[in-house]
C-alpha atoms as a PDB file:
ATOM      1  CA  MET A   1     199.839 -52.005 -22.555  1.00  0.00           C
ATOM      2  CA  VAL A   2     199.961 -50.764 -18.986  1.00  0.00           C
ATOM      3  CA  ASN A   3     201.499 -47.562 -17.702  1.00  0.00           C
ATOM      4  CA  LEU A   4     204.035 -48.720 -15.114  1.00  0.00           C
ATOM      5  CA  ARG A   5     204.586 -45.180 -13.853  1.00  0.00           C
ATOM      6  CA  ARG A   6     208.317 -45.408 -14.413  1.00  0.00           C
ATOM      7  CA  HIS A   7     210.277 -42.211 -14.805  1.00  0.00           C
ATOM      8  CA  LEU A   8     213.770 -41.544 -16.018  1.00  0.00           C
ATOM      9  CA  ILE A   9     215.394 -38.437 -14.613  1.00  0.00           C
ATOM     10  CA  LEU A  10     218.312 -37.064 -16.580  1.00  0.00           C
ATOM     11  CA  PRO A  11     220.043 -34.088 -14.970  1.00  0.00           C
ATOM     12  CA  ILE A  12     220.854 -31.442 -17.553  1.00  0.00           C
ATOM     13  CA  LEU A  13     223.725 -29.270 -16.390  1.00  0.00           C
ATOM     14  CA  ASP A  14     224.729 -27.650 -19.636  1.00  0.00           C
ATOM     15  CA  SER A  15     222.251 -25.563 -21.565  1.00  0.00           C
ATOM     16  CA  PHE A  16     218.836 -25.460 -23.137  1.00  0.00           C
ATOM     17  CA  THR A  17     220.349 -26.889 -26.336  1.00  0.00           C
ATOM     18  CA  ASN A  18     221.496 -29.946 -24.385  1.00  0.00           C
ATOM     19  CA  TYR A  19     217.946 -30.330 -23.059  1.00  0.00           C
ATOM     20  CA  LEU A  20     216.530 -30.273 -26.601  1.00  0.00           C
ATOM     21  CA  PHE A  21     219.133 -32.829 -27.726  1.00  0.00           C
ATOM     22  CA  TRP A  22     218.130 -35.351 -25.044  1.00  0.00           C
ATOM     23  CA  LYS A  23     214.429 -34.648 -25.461  1.00  0.00           C
ATOM     24  CA  GLN A  24     214.621 -35.514 -29.168  1.00  0.00           C
ATOM     25  CA  PHE A  25     216.824 -38.549 -28.437  1.00  0.00           C
ATOM     26  CA  PHE A  26     214.341 -40.036 -25.956  1.00  0.00           C
ATOM     27  CA  ARG A  27     211.366 -39.145 -28.145  1.00  0.00           C
ATOM     28  CA  ARG A  28     212.818 -41.269 -30.962  1.00  0.00           C
ATOM     29  CA  PHE A  29     213.854 -44.041 -28.556  1.00  0.00           C
ATOM     30  CA  HIS A  30     210.356 -44.125 -27.056  1.00  0.00           C
ATOM     31  CA  ALA A  31     208.777 -44.370 -30.526  1.00  0.00           C
ATOM     32  CA  ALA A  32     211.016 -47.371 -31.311  1.00  0.00           C
ATOM     33  CA  TYR A  33     210.065 -48.985 -27.989  1.00  0.00           C
ATOM     34  CA  VAL A  34     206.334 -48.473 -28.555  1.00  0.00           C
ATOM     35  CA  ASP A  35     206.610 -49.998 -32.025  1.00  0.00           C
ATOM     36  CA  ALA A  36     208.456 -53.026 -30.603  1.00  0.00           C
ATOM     37  CA  VAL A  37     206.005 -53.746 -27.770  1.00  0.00           C
ATOM     38  CA  SER A  38     203.033 -53.190 -30.068  1.00  0.00           C
ATOM     39  CA  ASN A  39     204.091 -56.271 -32.007  1.00  0.00           C
ATOM     40  CA  PRO A  40     201.346 -58.903 -31.504  1.00  0.00           C
ATOM     41  CA  PHE A  41     204.035 -61.564 -30.923  1.00  0.00           C
ATOM     42  CA  HIS A  42     205.732 -59.650 -28.099  1.00  0.00           C
ATOM     43  CA  VAL A  43     205.033 -61.075 -24.640  1.00  0.00           C
ATOM     44  CA  PRO A  44     204.541 -58.218 -22.135  1.00  0.00           C
ATOM     45  CA  GLY A  45     207.156 -58.221 -19.400  1.00  0.00           C
ATOM     46  CA  LYS A  46     209.652 -60.200 -21.470  1.00  0.00           C
ATOM     47  CA  ARG A  47     212.843 -58.925 -23.048  1.00  0.00           C
ATOM     48  CA  ILE A  48     212.547 -57.410 -26.510  1.00  0.00           C
ATOM     49  CA  LEU A  49     214.433 -59.826 -28.747  1.00  0.00           C
ATOM     50  CA  SER A  50     213.648 -58.147 -32.053  1.00  0.00           C
ATOM     51  CA  LYS A  51     216.654 -57.696 -34.323  1.00  0.00           C
ATOM     52  CA  ALA A  52     214.852 -54.793 -36.005  1.00  0.00           C
ATOM     53  CA  PHE A  53     214.423 -53.034 -32.639  1.00  0.00           C
ATOM     54  CA  GLY A  54     218.118 -53.461 -31.862  1.00  0.00           C
ATOM     55  CA  GLU A  55     219.121 -52.075 -35.229  1.00  0.00           C
ATOM     56  CA  ARG A  56     216.718 -49.155 -34.869  1.00  0.00           C
ATOM     57  CA  VAL A  57     218.101 -48.269 -31.427  1.00  0.00           C
ATOM     58  CA  SER A  58     221.670 -48.538 -32.739  1.00  0.00           C
ATOM     59  CA  SER A  59     220.741 -46.234 -35.603  1.00  0.00           C
ATOM     60  CA  ILE A  60     219.242 -43.690 -33.194  1.00  0.00           C
ATOM     61  CA  VAL A  61     222.340 -43.768 -30.990  1.00  0.00           C
ATOM     62  CA  LYS A  62     224.670 -43.363 -33.975  1.00  0.00           C
ATOM     63  CA  SER A  63     222.615 -40.533 -35.477  1.00  0.00           C
ATOM     64  CA  PHE A  64     222.979 -38.554 -32.259  1.00  0.00           C
ATOM     65  CA  GLY A  65     226.701 -39.275 -32.008  1.00  0.00           C
ATOM     66  CA  VAL A  66     226.320 -40.889 -28.593  1.00  0.00           C
ATOM     67  CA  THR A  67     229.198 -43.228 -27.830  1.00  0.00           C
ATOM     68  CA  THR A  68     228.668 -46.518 -26.061  1.00  0.00           C
ATOM     69  CA  VAL A  69     231.029 -48.348 -23.758  1.00  0.00           C
END
């Protein structure tokens, strides 16, 4: 795996609690992503088509109460 030096900047306007919320959210999301791309059948640079990854991300989003459009 290669570090692509990509950064996501999320402005936090509310409070320190809001910062901790998003930090934990992205920590769990990143762990799911690393697990998905560590699959020996995953082709680097291609879309992640794993049903398990999709379900895991949905679970993370629901556990944090984040609504999707």
